[in-house]
PDB file of N, CA and C in Angstrom:
ATOM      1  N   UNK A   1      46.029 138.555  54.804  1.00  0.00           N
ATOM      2  CA  UNK A   1      46.408 137.381  55.571  1.00  0.00           C
ATOM      3  C   UNK A   1      45.189 136.776  56.268  1.00  0.00           C
ATOM      4  N   UNK A   2      44.304 137.622  56.836  1.00  0.00           N
ATOM      5  CA  UNK A   2      43.110 137.111  57.512  1.00  0.00           C
ATOM      6  C   UNK A   2      42.191 136.398  56.530  1.00  0.00           C
ATOM      7  N   UNK A   3      42.094 136.941  55.301  1.00  0.00           N
ATOM      8  CA  UNK A   3      41.254 136.301  54.292  1.00  0.00           C
ATOM      9  C   UNK A   3      41.805 134.932  53.912  1.00  0.00           C
ATOM     10  N   UNK A   4      43.115 134.819  53.836  1.00  0.00           N
ATOM     11  CA  UNK A   4      43.750 133.550  53.501  1.00  0.00           C
ATOM     12  C   UNK A   4      43.492 132.510  54.592  1.00  0.00           C
ATOM     13  N   UNK A   5      43.586 132.923  55.843  1.00  0.00           N
ATOM     14  CA  UNK A   5      43.320 132.014  56.970  1.00  0.00           C
ATOM     15  C   UNK A   5      41.853 131.600  56.970  1.00  0.00           C
ATOM     16  N   UNK A   6      40.958 132.560  56.751  1.00  0.00           N
ATOM     17  CA  UNK A   6      39.527 132.251  56.710  1.00  0.00           C
ATOM     18  C   UNK A   6      39.220 131.286  55.574  1.00  0.00           C
ATOM     19  N   UNK A   7      39.819 131.500  54.405  1.00  0.00           N
ATOM     20  CA  UNK A   7      39.627 130.610  53.273  1.00  0.00           C
ATOM     21  C   UNK A   7      40.139 129.208  53.590  1.00  0.00           C
ATOM     22  N   UNK A   8      41.292 129.119  54.237  1.00  0.00           N
ATOM     23  CA  UNK A   8      41.857 127.829  54.621  1.00  0.00           C
ATOM     24  C   UNK A   8      40.918 127.098  55.592  1.00  0.00           C
ATOM     25  N   UNK A   9      40.376 127.812  56.563  1.00  0.00           N
ATOM     26  CA  UNK A   9      39.457 127.207  57.541  1.00  0.00           C
ATOM     27  C   UNK A   9      38.201 126.711  56.839  1.00  0.00           C
ATOM     28  N   UNK A  10      37.643 127.514  55.940  1.00  0.00           N
ATOM     29  CA  UNK A  10      36.454 127.097  55.196  1.00  0.00           C
ATOM     30  C   UNK A  10      36.721 125.842  54.364  1.00  0.00           C
ATOM     31  N   UNK A  11      37.853 125.802  53.699  1.00  0.00           N
ATOM     32  CA  UNK A  11      38.202 124.622  52.900  1.00  0.00           C
ATOM     33  C   UNK A  11      38.341 123.395  53.788  1.00  0.00           C
ATOM     34  N   UNK A  12      38.936 123.557  54.961  1.00  0.00           N
ATOM     35  CA  UNK A  12      39.104 122.442  55.893  1.00  0.00           C
ATOM     36  C   UNK A  12      37.745 121.928  56.363  1.00  0.00           C
ATOM     37  N   UNK A  13      36.844 122.842  56.730  1.00  0.00           N
ATOM     38  CA  UNK A  13      35.518 122.451  57.211  1.00  0.00           C
ATOM     39  C   UNK A  13      34.756 121.707  56.119  1.00  0.00           C
ATOM     40  N   UNK A  14      34.726 122.243  54.899  1.00  0.00           N
ATOM     41  CA  UNK A  14      34.003 121.582  53.814  1.00  0.00           C
ATOM     42  C   UNK A  14      34.607 120.229  53.467  1.00  0.00           C
ATOM     43  N   UNK A  15      35.906 120.104  53.480  1.00  0.00           N
ATOM     44  CA  UNK A  15      36.521 118.803  53.176  1.00  0.00           C
ATOM     45  C   UNK A  15      36.254 117.812  54.287  1.00  0.00           C
ATOM     46  N   UNK A  16      36.219 118.266  55.533  1.00  0.00           N
ATOM     47  CA  UNK A  16      35.923 117.369  56.659  1.00  0.00           C
ATOM     48  C   UNK A  16      34.518 116.827  56.558  1.00  0.00           C
ATOM     49  N   UNK A  17      33.576 117.687  56.213  1.00  0.00           N
ATOM     50  CA  UNK A  17      32.189 117.267  56.108  1.00  0.00           C
ATOM     51  C   UNK A  17      32.018 116.269  54.968  1.00  0.00           C
ATOM     52  N   UNK A  18      32.643 116.512  53.840  1.00  0.00           N
ATOM     53  CA  UNK A  18      32.439 115.626  52.706  1.00  0.00           C
ATOM     54  C   UNK A  18      33.179 114.301  52.842  1.00  0.00           C
ATOM     55  N   UNK A  19      34.283 114.250  53.565  1.00  0.00           N
ATOM     56  CA  UNK A  19      35.044 113.013  53.689  1.00  0.00           C
ATOM     57  C   UNK A  19      34.651 112.170  54.894  1.00  0.00           C
ATOM     58  N   UNK A  20      33.970 112.727  55.856  1.00  0.00           N
ATOM     59  CA  UNK A  20      33.642 111.958  57.061  1.00  0.00           C
ATOM     60  C   UNK A  20      32.164 111.574  57.074  1.00  0.00           C
ATOM     61  N   UNK A  21      31.733 110.858  56.055  1.00  0.00           N
ATOM     62  CA  UNK A  21      30.372 110.381  55.984  1.00  0.00           C
ATOM     63  C   UNK A  21      30.184 109.239  56.981  1.00  0.00           C
ATOM     64  N   UNK A  22      29.132 109.304  57.768  1.00  0.00           N
ATOM     65  CA  UNK A  22      28.832 108.242  58.711  1.00  0.00           C
ATOM     66  C   UNK A  22      27.609 107.474  58.237  1.00  0.00           C
ATOM     67  N   UNK A  23      27.583 106.213  58.565  1.00  0.00           N
ATOM     68  CA  UNK A  23      26.433 105.370  58.261  1.00  0.00           C
ATOM     69  C   UNK A  23      25.964 104.781  59.583  1.00  0.00           C
ATOM     70  N   UNK A  24      24.694 105.002  59.930  1.00  0.00           N
ATOM     71  CA  UNK A  24      24.164 104.608  61.228  1.00  0.00           C
ATOM     72  C   UNK A  24      22.892 103.786  61.036  1.00  0.00           C
ATOM     73  N   UNK A  25      22.778 102.714  61.815  1.00  0.00           N
ATOM     74  CA  UNK A  25      21.553 101.925  61.875  1.00  0.00           C
ATOM     75  C   UNK A  25      21.239 101.672  63.338  1.00  0.00           C
ATOM     76  N   UNK A  26      19.973 101.473  63.651  1.00  0.00           N
ATOM     77  CA  UNK A  26      19.596 101.233  65.039  1.00  0.00           C
ATOM     78  C   UNK A  26      18.395 100.303  65.106  1.00  0.00           C
ATOM     79  N   UNK A  27      18.153  99.791  66.297  1.00  0.00           N
ATOM     80  CA  UNK A  27      17.019  98.903  66.495  1.00  0.00           C
ATOM     81  C   UNK A  27      16.809  98.622  67.973  1.00  0.00           C
ATOM     82  N   UNK A  28      15.900  97.729  68.242  1.00  0.00           N
ATOM     83  CA  UNK A  28      15.591  97.340  69.618  1.00  0.00           C
ATOM     84  C   UNK A  28      15.892  95.860  69.803  1.00  0.00           C
ATOM     85  N   UNK A  29      16.013  95.454  71.061  1.00  0.00           N
ATOM     86  CA  UNK A  29      16.197  94.051  71.392  1.00  0.00           C
ATOM     87  C   UNK A  29      15.394  93.748  72.646  1.00  0.00           C
ATOM     88  N   UNK A  30      15.052  92.486  72.828  1.00  0.00           N
ATOM     89  CA  UNK A  30      14.293  92.061  73.994  1.00  0.00           C
ATOM     90  C   UNK A  30      14.575  90.592  74.258  1.00  0.00           C
ATOM     91  N   UNK A  31      14.634  90.258  75.527  1.00  0.00           N
ATOM     92  CA  UNK A  31      14.817  88.859  75.911  1.00  0.00           C
ATOM     93  C   UNK A  31      13.900  88.584  77.103  1.00  0.00           C
ATOM     94  N   UNK A  32      13.188  87.450  77.044  1.00  0.00           N
ATOM     95  CA  UNK A  32      12.224  87.099  78.088  1.00  0.00           C
ATOM     96  C   UNK A  32      11.950  85.608  78.006  1.00  0.00           C
ATOM     97  N   UNK A  33      11.138  85.076  78.904  1.00  0.00           N
ATOM     98  CA  UNK A  33      10.897  83.630  78.921  1.00  0.00           C
ATOM     99  C   UNK A  33      10.290  83.043  77.647  1.00  0.00           C
ATOM    100  N   UNK A  34       9.786  83.877  76.740  1.00  0.00           N
ATOM    101  CA  UNK A  34       9.254  83.332  75.487  1.00  0.00           C
ATOM    102  C   UNK A  34      10.376  82.861  74.549  1.00  0.00           C
ATOM    103  N   UNK A  35      11.637  83.253  74.836  1.00  0.00           N
ATOM    104  CA  UNK A  35      12.785  82.806  74.054  1.00  0.00           C
ATOM    105  C   UNK A  35      13.128  81.380  74.479  1.00  0.00           C
ATOM    106  N   UNK A  36      13.278  80.512  73.516  1.00  0.00           N
ATOM    107  CA  UNK A  36      13.570  79.106  73.793  1.00  0.00           C
ATOM    108  C   UNK A  36      14.832  78.962  74.651  1.00  0.00           C
ATOM    109  N   UNK A  37      14.754  78.159  75.711  1.00  0.00           N
ATOM    110  CA  UNK A  37      15.903  77.897  76.576  1.00  0.00           C
ATOM    111  C   UNK A  37      16.200  79.007  77.573  1.00  0.00           C
ATOM    112  N   UNK A  38      15.262  79.932  77.783  1.00  0.00           N
ATOM    113  CA  UNK A  38      15.484  81.052  78.699  1.00  0.00           C
ATOM    114  C   UNK A  38      15.852  80.543  80.092  1.00  0.00           C
ATOM    115  N   UNK A  39      16.958  81.053  80.658  1.00  0.00           N
ATOM    116  CA  UNK A  39      17.425  80.556  81.956  1.00  0.00           C
ATOM    117  C   UNK A  39      17.866  81.656  82.920  1.00  0.00           C
ATOM    118  N   UNK A  40      17.646  82.910  82.561  1.00  0.00           N
ATOM    119  CA  UNK A  40      18.134  84.002  83.413  1.00  0.00           C
ATOM    120  C   UNK A  40      17.330  84.167  84.701  1.00  0.00           C
ATOM    121  N   UNK A  41      16.193  83.503  84.787  1.00  0.00           N
ATOM    122  CA  UNK A  41      15.362  83.602  85.988  1.00  0.00           C
ATOM    123  C   UNK A  41      15.388  82.319  86.823  1.00  0.00           C
ATOM    124  N   UNK A  42      16.309  81.410  86.512  1.00  0.00           N
ATOM    125  CA  UNK A  42      16.358  80.119  87.206  1.00  0.00           C
ATOM    126  C   UNK A  42      17.740  79.844  87.783  1.00  0.00           C
ATOM    127  N   UNK A  43      17.770  79.160  88.918  1.00  0.00           N
ATOM    128  CA  UNK A  43      19.018  78.670  89.478  1.00  0.00           C
ATOM    129  C   UNK A  43      19.947  79.747  90.002  1.00  0.00           C
ATOM    130  N   UNK A  44      21.192  79.340  90.226  1.00  0.00           N
ATOM    131  CA  UNK A  44      22.252  80.212  90.725  1.00  0.00           C
ATOM    132  C   UNK A  44      23.467  80.073  89.824  1.00  0.00           C
ATOM    133  N   UNK A  45      24.404  80.987  89.987  1.00  0.00           N
ATOM    134  CA  UNK A  45      25.630  80.918  89.202  1.00  0.00           C
ATOM    135  C   UNK A  45      25.527  81.715  87.916  1.00  0.00           C
ATOM    136  N   UNK A  46      26.533  81.533  87.080  1.00  0.00           N
ATOM    137  CA  UNK A  46      26.635  82.268  85.823  1.00  0.00           C
ATOM    138  C   UNK A  46      25.660  81.690  84.800  1.00  0.00           C
ATOM    139  N   UNK A  47      24.784  82.535  84.248  1.00  0.00           N
ATOM    140  CA  UNK A  47      23.841  82.128  83.206  1.00  0.00           C
ATOM    141  C   UNK A  47      23.838  83.192  82.115  1.00  0.00           C
ATOM    142  N   UNK A  48      23.737  82.774  80.877  1.00  0.00           N
ATOM    143  CA  UNK A  48      23.709  83.754  79.785  1.00  0.00           C
ATOM    144  C   UNK A  48      22.797  83.282  78.660  1.00  0.00           C
ATOM    145  N   UNK A  49      22.345  84.241  77.880  1.00  0.00           N
ATOM    146  CA  UNK A  49      21.511  84.004  76.704  1.00  0.00           C
ATOM    147  C   UNK A  49      22.064  84.880  75.585  1.00  0.00           C
ATOM    148  N   UNK A  50      21.851  84.466  74.352  1.00  0.00           N
ATOM    149  CA  UNK A  50      22.281  85.277  73.225  1.00  0.00           C
ATOM    150  C   UNK A  50      21.110  85.526  72.277  1.00  0.00           C
ATOM    151  N   UNK A  51      21.191  86.653  71.593  1.00  0.00           N
ATOM    152  CA  UNK A  51      20.212  87.030  70.575  1.00  0.00           C
ATOM    153  C   UNK A  51      21.004  87.426  69.330  1.00  0.00           C
ATOM    154  N   UNK A  52      20.656  86.872  68.191  1.00  0.00           N
ATOM    155  CA  UNK A  52      21.301  87.269  66.941  1.00  0.00           C
ATOM    156  C   UNK A  52      20.555  88.454  66.344  1.00  0.00           C
ATOM    157  N   UNK A  53      21.294  89.525  66.076  1.00  0.00           N
ATOM    158  CA  UNK A  53      20.740  90.746  65.491  1.00  0.00           C
ATOM    159  C   UNK A  53      21.298  90.875  64.073  1.00  0.00           C
ATOM    160  N   UNK A  54      20.419  91.000  63.094  1.00  0.00           N
ATOM    161  CA  UNK A  54      20.840  91.200  61.704  1.00  0.00           C
ATOM    162  C   UNK A  54      20.567  92.652  61.319  1.00  0.00           C
ATOM    163  N   UNK A  55      21.568  93.319  60.754  1.00  0.00           N
ATOM    164  CA  UNK A  55      21.379  94.702  60.326  1.00  0.00           C
ATOM    165  C   UNK A  55      20.411  94.740  59.147  1.00  0.00           C
ATOM    166  N   UNK A  56      19.545  95.756  59.088  1.00  0.00           N
ATOM    167  CA  UNK A  56      18.637  95.873  57.937  1.00  0.00           C
ATOM    168  C   UNK A  56      19.389  95.941  56.608  1.00  0.00           C
ATOM    169  N   UNK A  57      20.557  96.586  56.623  1.00  0.00           N
ATOM    170  CA  UNK A  57      21.395  96.697  55.421  1.00  0.00           C
ATOM    171  C   UNK A  57      22.840  96.449  55.856  1.00  0.00           C
ATOM    172  N   UNK A  58      23.566  95.548  55.180  1.00  0.00           N
ATOM    173  CA  UNK A  58      24.963  95.295  55.574  1.00  0.00           C
ATOM    174  C   UNK A  58      25.814  96.565  55.474  1.00  0.00           C
ATOM    175  N   UNK A  59      26.750  96.711  56.391  1.00  0.00           N
ATOM    176  CA  UNK A  59      27.700  97.816  56.370  1.00  0.00           C
ATOM    177  C   UNK A  59      28.822  97.498  55.385  1.00  0.00           C
ATOM    178  N   UNK A  60      29.531  98.521  54.936  1.00  0.00           N
ATOM    179  CA  UNK A  60      30.682  98.313  54.060  1.00  0.00           C
ATOM    180  C   UNK A  60      31.882  97.788  54.832  1.00  0.00           C
ATOM    181  N   UNK A  61      31.956  98.125  56.120  1.00  0.00           N
ATOM    182  CA  UNK A  61      33.016  97.623  56.989  1.00  0.00           C
ATOM    183  C   UNK A  61      32.411  97.319  58.353  1.00  0.00           C
ATOM    184  N   UNK A  62      33.152  96.617  59.185  1.00  0.00           N
ATOM    185  CA  UNK A  62      32.668  96.232  60.507  1.00  0.00           C
ATOM    186  C   UNK A  62      32.331  97.485  61.331  1.00  0.00           C
ATOM    187  N   UNK A  63      31.092  97.601  61.819  1.00  0.00           N
ATOM    188  CA  UNK A  63      30.697  98.791  62.562  1.00  0.00           C
ATOM    189  C   UNK A  63      31.033  98.695  64.051  1.00  0.00           C
ATOM    190  N   UNK A  64      30.931  99.814  64.712  1.00  0.00           N
ATOM    191  CA  UNK A  64      30.967  99.876  66.171  1.00  0.00           C
ATOM    192  C   UNK A  64      29.527  99.742  66.649  1.00  0.00           C
ATOM    193  N   UNK A  65      29.294  98.949  67.692  1.00  0.00           N
ATOM    194  CA  UNK A  65      27.945  98.726  68.214  1.00  0.00           C
ATOM    195  C   UNK A  65      27.870  99.268  69.641  1.00  0.00           C
ATOM    196  N   UNK A  66      26.825 100.050  69.904  1.00  0.00           N
ATOM    197  CA  UNK A  66      26.571 100.605  71.230  1.00  0.00           C
ATOM    198  C   UNK A  66      25.231 100.047  71.710  1.00  0.00           C
ATOM    199  N   UNK A  67      25.196  99.579  72.960  1.00  0.00           N
ATOM    200  CA  UNK A  67      23.991  98.965  73.521  1.00  0.00           C
ATOM    201  C   UNK A  67      23.463  99.764  74.704  1.00  0.00           C
ATOM    202  N   UNK A  68      22.156  99.681  74.929  1.00  0.00           N
ATOM    203  CA  UNK A  68      21.567 100.285  76.119  1.00  0.00           C
ATOM    204  C   UNK A  68      20.453  99.382  76.635  1.00  0.00           C
ATOM    205  N   UNK A  69      20.123  99.565  77.902  1.00  0.00           N
ATOM    206  CA  UNK A  69      19.008  98.851  78.533  1.00  0.00           C
ATOM    207  C   UNK A  69      17.926  99.883  78.822  1.00  0.00           C
ATOM    208  N   UNK A  70      16.706  99.608  78.359  1.00  0.00           N
ATOM    209  CA  UNK A  70      15.599 100.532  78.612  1.00  0.00           C
ATOM    210  C   UNK A  70      14.590  99.965  79.610  1.00  0.00           C
ATOM    211  N   UNK A  71      14.620  98.653  79.806  1.00  0.00           N
ATOM    212  CA  UNK A  71      13.681  98.013  80.733  1.00  0.00           C
ATOM    213  C   UNK A  71      14.318  96.758  81.288  1.00  0.00           C
ATOM    214  N   UNK A  72      14.143  96.545  82.591  1.00  0.00           N
ATOM    215  CA  UNK A  72      14.603  95.301  83.210  1.00  0.00           C
ATOM    216  C   UNK A  72      13.624  94.935  84.317  1.00  0.00           C
ATOM    217  N   UNK A  73      13.265  93.665  84.372  1.00  0.00           N
ATOM    218  CA  UNK A  73      12.384  93.141  85.408  1.00  0.00           C
ATOM    219  C   UNK A  73      13.174  92.070  86.149  1.00  0.00           C
ATOM    220  N   UNK A  74      13.476  92.336  87.423  1.00  0.00           N
ATOM    221  CA  UNK A  74      14.251  91.397  88.230  1.00  0.00           C
ATOM    222  C   UNK A  74      13.508  91.070  89.515  1.00  0.00           C
ATOM    223  N   UNK A  75      13.944  90.019  90.165  1.00  0.00           N
ATOM    224  CA  UNK A  75      13.360  89.594  91.431  1.00  0.00           C
ATOM    225  C   UNK A  75      13.647  90.628  92.513  1.00  0.00           C
ATOM    226  N   UNK A  76      12.634  91.000  93.265  1.00  0.00           N
ATOM    227  CA  UNK A  76      12.793  92.039  94.301  1.00  0.00           C
ATOM    228  C   UNK A  76      13.589  91.546  95.512  1.00  0.00           C
ATOM    229  N   UNK A  77      13.755  90.238  95.651  1.00  0.00           N
ATOM    230  CA  UNK A  77      14.441  89.706  96.822  1.00  0.00           C
ATOM    231  C   UNK A  77      15.923  89.402  96.591  1.00  0.00           C
ATOM    232  N   UNK A  78      16.428  89.659  95.383  1.00  0.00           N
ATOM    233  CA  UNK A  78      17.841  89.405  95.093  1.00  0.00           C
ATOM    234  C   UNK A  78      18.456  90.640  94.443  1.00  0.00           C
ATOM    235  N   UNK A  79      19.771  90.699  94.432  1.00  0.00           N
ATOM    236  CA  UNK A  79      20.459  91.789  93.747  1.00  0.00           C
ATOM    237  C   UNK A  79      20.240  91.682  92.245  1.00  0.00           C
ATOM    238  N   UNK A  80      20.169  92.841  91.586  1.00  0.00           N
ATOM    239  CA  UNK A  80      20.014  92.878  90.123  1.00  0.00           C
ATOM    240  C   UNK A  80      21.397  92.940  89.487  1.00  0.00           C
ATOM    241  N   UNK A  81      21.897  91.792  89.086  1.00  0.00           N
ATOM    242  CA  UNK A  81      23.217  91.707  88.445  1.00  0.00           C
ATOM    243  C   UNK A  81      23.002  91.335  86.985  1.00  0.00           C
ATOM    244  N   UNK A  82      23.551  92.152  86.096  1.00  0.00           N
ATOM    245  CA  UNK A  82      23.444  91.824  84.674  1.00  0.00           C
ATOM    246  C   UNK A  82      24.559  92.503  83.898  1.00  0.00           C
ATOM    247  N   UNK A  83      24.813  91.937  82.724  1.00  0.00           N
ATOM    248  CA  UNK A  83      25.802  92.487  81.812  1.00  0.00           C
ATOM    249  C   UNK A  83      25.280  92.239  80.405  1.00  0.00           C
ATOM    250  N   UNK A  84      25.446  93.224  79.525  1.00  0.00           N
ATOM    251  CA  UNK A  84      25.115  93.017  78.112  1.00  0.00           C
ATOM    252  C   UNK A  84      26.338  93.393  77.286  1.00  0.00           C
ATOM    253  N   UNK A  85      26.570  92.651  76.220  1.00  0.00           N
ATOM    254  CA  UNK A  85      27.689  92.973  75.341  1.00  0.00           C
ATOM    255  C   UNK A  85      27.411  92.497  73.930  1.00  0.00           C
ATOM    256  N   UNK A  86      28.002  93.197  72.970  1.00  0.00           N
ATOM    257  CA  UNK A  86      27.920  92.802  71.567  1.00  0.00           C
ATOM    258  C   UNK A  86      29.137  91.936  71.263  1.00  0.00           C
ATOM    259  N   UNK A  87      28.882  90.722  70.805  1.00  0.00           N
ATOM    260  CA  UNK A  87      29.981  89.826  70.441  1.00  0.00           C
ATOM    261  C   UNK A  87      29.798  89.435  68.974  1.00  0.00           C
ATOM    262  N   UNK A  88      30.846  88.930  68.377  1.00  0.00           N
ATOM    263  CA  UNK A  88      30.809  88.473  66.983  1.00  0.00           C
ATOM    264  C   UNK A  88      30.234  89.533  66.036  1.00  0.00           C
ATOM    265  N   UNK A  89      30.697  90.771  66.165  1.00  0.00           N
ATOM    266  CA  UNK A  89      30.220  91.853  65.295  1.00  0.00           C
ATOM    267  C   UNK A  89      30.794  91.659  63.895  1.00  0.00           C
ATOM    268  N   UNK A  90      29.930  91.767  62.895  1.00  0.00           N
ATOM    269  CA  UNK A  90      30.357  91.676  61.494  1.00  0.00           C
ATOM    270  C   UNK A  90      29.636  92.759  60.692  1.00  0.00           C
ATOM    271  N   UNK A  91      29.879  92.792  59.412  1.00  0.00           N
ATOM    272  CA  UNK A  91      29.211  93.759  58.539  1.00  0.00           C
ATOM    273  C   UNK A  91      27.710  93.486  58.459  1.00  0.00           C
ATOM    274  N   UNK A  92      27.298  92.225  58.713  1.00  0.00           N
ATOM    275  CA  UNK A  92      25.907  91.814  58.557  1.00  0.00           C
ATOM    276  C   UNK A  92      25.087  91.853  59.841  1.00  0.00           C
ATOM    277  N   UNK A  93      25.755  91.864  61.005  1.00  0.00           N
ATOM    278  CA  UNK A  93      25.022  91.842  62.261  1.00  0.00           C
ATOM    279  C   UNK A  93      25.939  91.539  63.428  1.00  0.00           C
ATOM    280  N   UNK A  94      25.345  91.164  64.550  1.00  0.00           N
ATOM    281  CA  UNK A  94      26.117  90.845  65.745  1.00  0.00           C
ATOM    282  C   UNK A  94      25.282  89.943  66.647  1.00  0.00           C
ATOM    283  N   UNK A  95      25.928  89.397  67.650  1.00  0.00           N
ATOM    284  CA  UNK A  95      25.243  88.614  68.671  1.00  0.00           C
ATOM    285  C   UNK A  95      25.256  89.411  69.954  1.00  0.00           C
ATOM    286  N   UNK A  96      24.093  89.587  70.541  1.00  0.00           N
ATOM    287  CA  UNK A  96      23.966  90.288  71.810  1.00  0.00           C
ATOM    288  C   UNK A  96      23.946  89.239  72.925  1.00  0.00           C
ATOM    289  N   UNK A  97      24.838  89.374  73.873  1.00  0.00           N
ATOM    290  CA  UNK A  97      24.926  88.422  74.983  1.00  0.00           C
ATOM    291  C   UNK A  97      24.439  89.107  76.252  1.00  0.00           C
ATOM    292  N   UNK A  98      23.459  88.490  76.909  1.00  0.00           N
ATOM    293  CA  UNK A  98      22.911  88.973  78.179  1.00  0.00           C
ATOM    294  C   UNK A  98      23.313  87.961  79.241  1.00  0.00           C
ATOM    295  N   UNK A  99      23.874  88.459  80.338  1.00  0.00           N
ATOM    296  CA  UNK A  99      24.393  87.563  81.368  1.00  0.00           C
ATOM    297  C   UNK A  99      23.971  88.027  82.751  1.00  0.00           C
ATOM    298  N   UNK A 100      23.739  87.073  83.637  1.00  0.00           N
ATOM    299  CA  UNK A 100      23.524  87.347  85.055  1.00  0.00           C
ATOM    300  C   UNK A 100      24.283  86.294  85.850  1.00  0.00           C
ATOM    301  N   UNK A 101      24.419  86.485  87.153  1.00  0.00           N
ATOM    302  CA  UNK A 101      25.203  85.556  87.969  1.00  0.00           C
ATOM    303  C   UNK A 101      24.705  85.565  89.412  1.00  0.00           C
ATOM    304  N   UNK A 102      25.316  84.687  90.213  1.00  0.00           N
ATOM    305  CA  UNK A 102      24.947  84.494  91.629  1.00  0.00           C
ATOM    306  C   UNK A 102      23.463  84.133  91.719  1.00  0.00           C
ATOM    307  N   UNK A 103      22.730  84.724  92.677  1.00  0.00           N
ATOM    308  CA  UNK A 103      21.324  84.358  92.854  1.00  0.00           C
ATOM    309  C   UNK A 103      20.363  85.316  92.137  1.00  0.00           C
ATOM    310  N   UNK A 104      20.872  86.205  91.308  1.00  0.00           N
ATOM    311  CA  UNK A 104      20.017  87.159  90.589  1.00  0.00           C
ATOM    312  C   UNK A 104      19.043  86.434  89.671  1.00  0.00           C
ATOM    313  N   UNK A 105      17.854  87.004  89.564  1.00  0.00           N
ATOM    314  CA  UNK A 105      16.833  86.464  88.681  1.00  0.00           C
ATOM    315  C   UNK A 105      16.336  87.595  87.778  1.00  0.00           C
ATOM    316  N   UNK A 106      16.571  87.442  86.476  1.00  0.00           N
ATOM    317  CA  UNK A 106      16.133  88.428  85.490  1.00  0.00           C
ATOM    318  C   UNK A 106      14.949  87.821  84.737  1.00  0.00           C
ATOM    319  N   UNK A 107      13.772  88.441  84.896  1.00  0.00           N
ATOM    320  CA  UNK A 107      12.567  87.930  84.248  1.00  0.00           C
ATOM    321  C   UNK A 107      12.427  88.426  82.805  1.00  0.00           C
ATOM    322  N   UNK A 108      12.902  89.620  82.543  1.00  0.00           N
ATOM    323  CA  UNK A 108      12.909  90.138  81.173  1.00  0.00           C
ATOM    324  C   UNK A 108      13.810  91.361  81.110  1.00  0.00           C
ATOM    325  N   UNK A 109      14.268  91.667  79.901  1.00  0.00           N
ATOM    326  CA  UNK A 109      15.129  92.824  79.700  1.00  0.00           C
ATOM    327  C   UNK A 109      14.995  93.245  78.238  1.00  0.00           C
ATOM    328  N   UNK A 110      15.033  94.541  78.004  1.00  0.00           N
ATOM    329  CA  UNK A 110      14.995  95.033  76.625  1.00  0.00           C
ATOM    330  C   UNK A 110      15.805  96.316  76.525  1.00  0.00           C
ATOM    331  N   UNK A 111      16.087  96.706  75.303  1.00  0.00           N
ATOM    332  CA  UNK A 111      16.868  97.922  75.099  1.00  0.00           C
ATOM    333  C   UNK A 111      17.014  98.269  73.648  1.00  0.00           C
ATOM    334  N   UNK A 112      18.010  99.110  73.385  1.00  0.00           N
ATOM    335  CA  UNK A 112      18.286  99.614  72.040  1.00  0.00           C
ATOM    336  C   UNK A 112      19.713  99.283  71.630  1.00  0.00           C
ATOM    337  N   UNK A 113      19.933  99.228  70.343  1.00  0.00           N
ATOM    338  CA  UNK A 113      21.296  99.114  69.806  1.00  0.00           C
ATOM    339  C   UNK A 113      21.470 100.163  68.700  1.00  0.00           C
ATOM    340  N   UNK A 114      22.680 100.661  68.592  1.00  0.00           N
ATOM    341  CA  UNK A 114      23.068 101.576  67.510  1.00  0.00           C
ATOM    342  C   UNK A 114      24.371 101.038  66.938  1.00  0.00           C
ATOM    343  N   UNK A 115      24.437 100.940  65.627  1.00  0.00           N
ATOM    344  CA  UNK A 115      25.663 100.519  64.950  1.00  0.00           C
ATOM    345  C   UNK A 115      26.047 101.626  63.979  1.00  0.00           C
ATOM    346  N   UNK A 116      27.347 101.935  63.937  1.00  0.00           N
ATOM    347  CA  UNK A 116      27.775 103.016  63.052  1.00  0.00           C
ATOM    348  C   UNK A 116      29.194 102.777  62.533  1.00  0.00           C
ATOM    349  N   UNK A 117      29.479 103.363  61.388  1.00  0.00           N
ATOM    350  CA  UNK A 117      30.830 103.387  60.847  1.00  0.00           C
ATOM    351  C   UNK A 117      31.039 104.749  60.189  1.00  0.00           C
ATOM    352  N   UNK A 118      32.252 105.085  59.947  1.00  0.00           N
ATOM    353  CA  UNK A 118      32.572 106.341  59.272  1.00  0.00           C
ATOM    354  C   UNK A 118      32.831 106.128  57.802  1.00  0.00           C
ATOM    355  N   UNK A 119      32.454 104.990  57.271  1.00  0.00           N
ATOM    356  CA  UNK A 119      32.666 104.697  55.847  1.00  0.00           C
ATOM    357  C   UNK A 119      31.357 104.437  55.170  1.00  0.00           C
TER     358      UNK A 119
END
């Protein structure tokens, strides 16, 4: 009976590994005043910028995108308010939206993205 259970567990593990193939791609992003129309360091209120990210290789299905911030340069005299999100995700890429609000001034920001699917 123990051998049968062990055999069943081994078969389950091997089938799980072979059927749950993941496909992962990653990259970096950056936004700063060199981007045309940059406005995150000017004025007050809600301001946003977008960056189009194209995957090096299209996915077979729409991936999940995870974002991170690795560097941010903000004005020392105001609160650092920011939000980043992946919008319009497709098999070919996504749009990264960077937003700030109130009197915050963001001079530059950069980070990483990871996109993955289980297919």
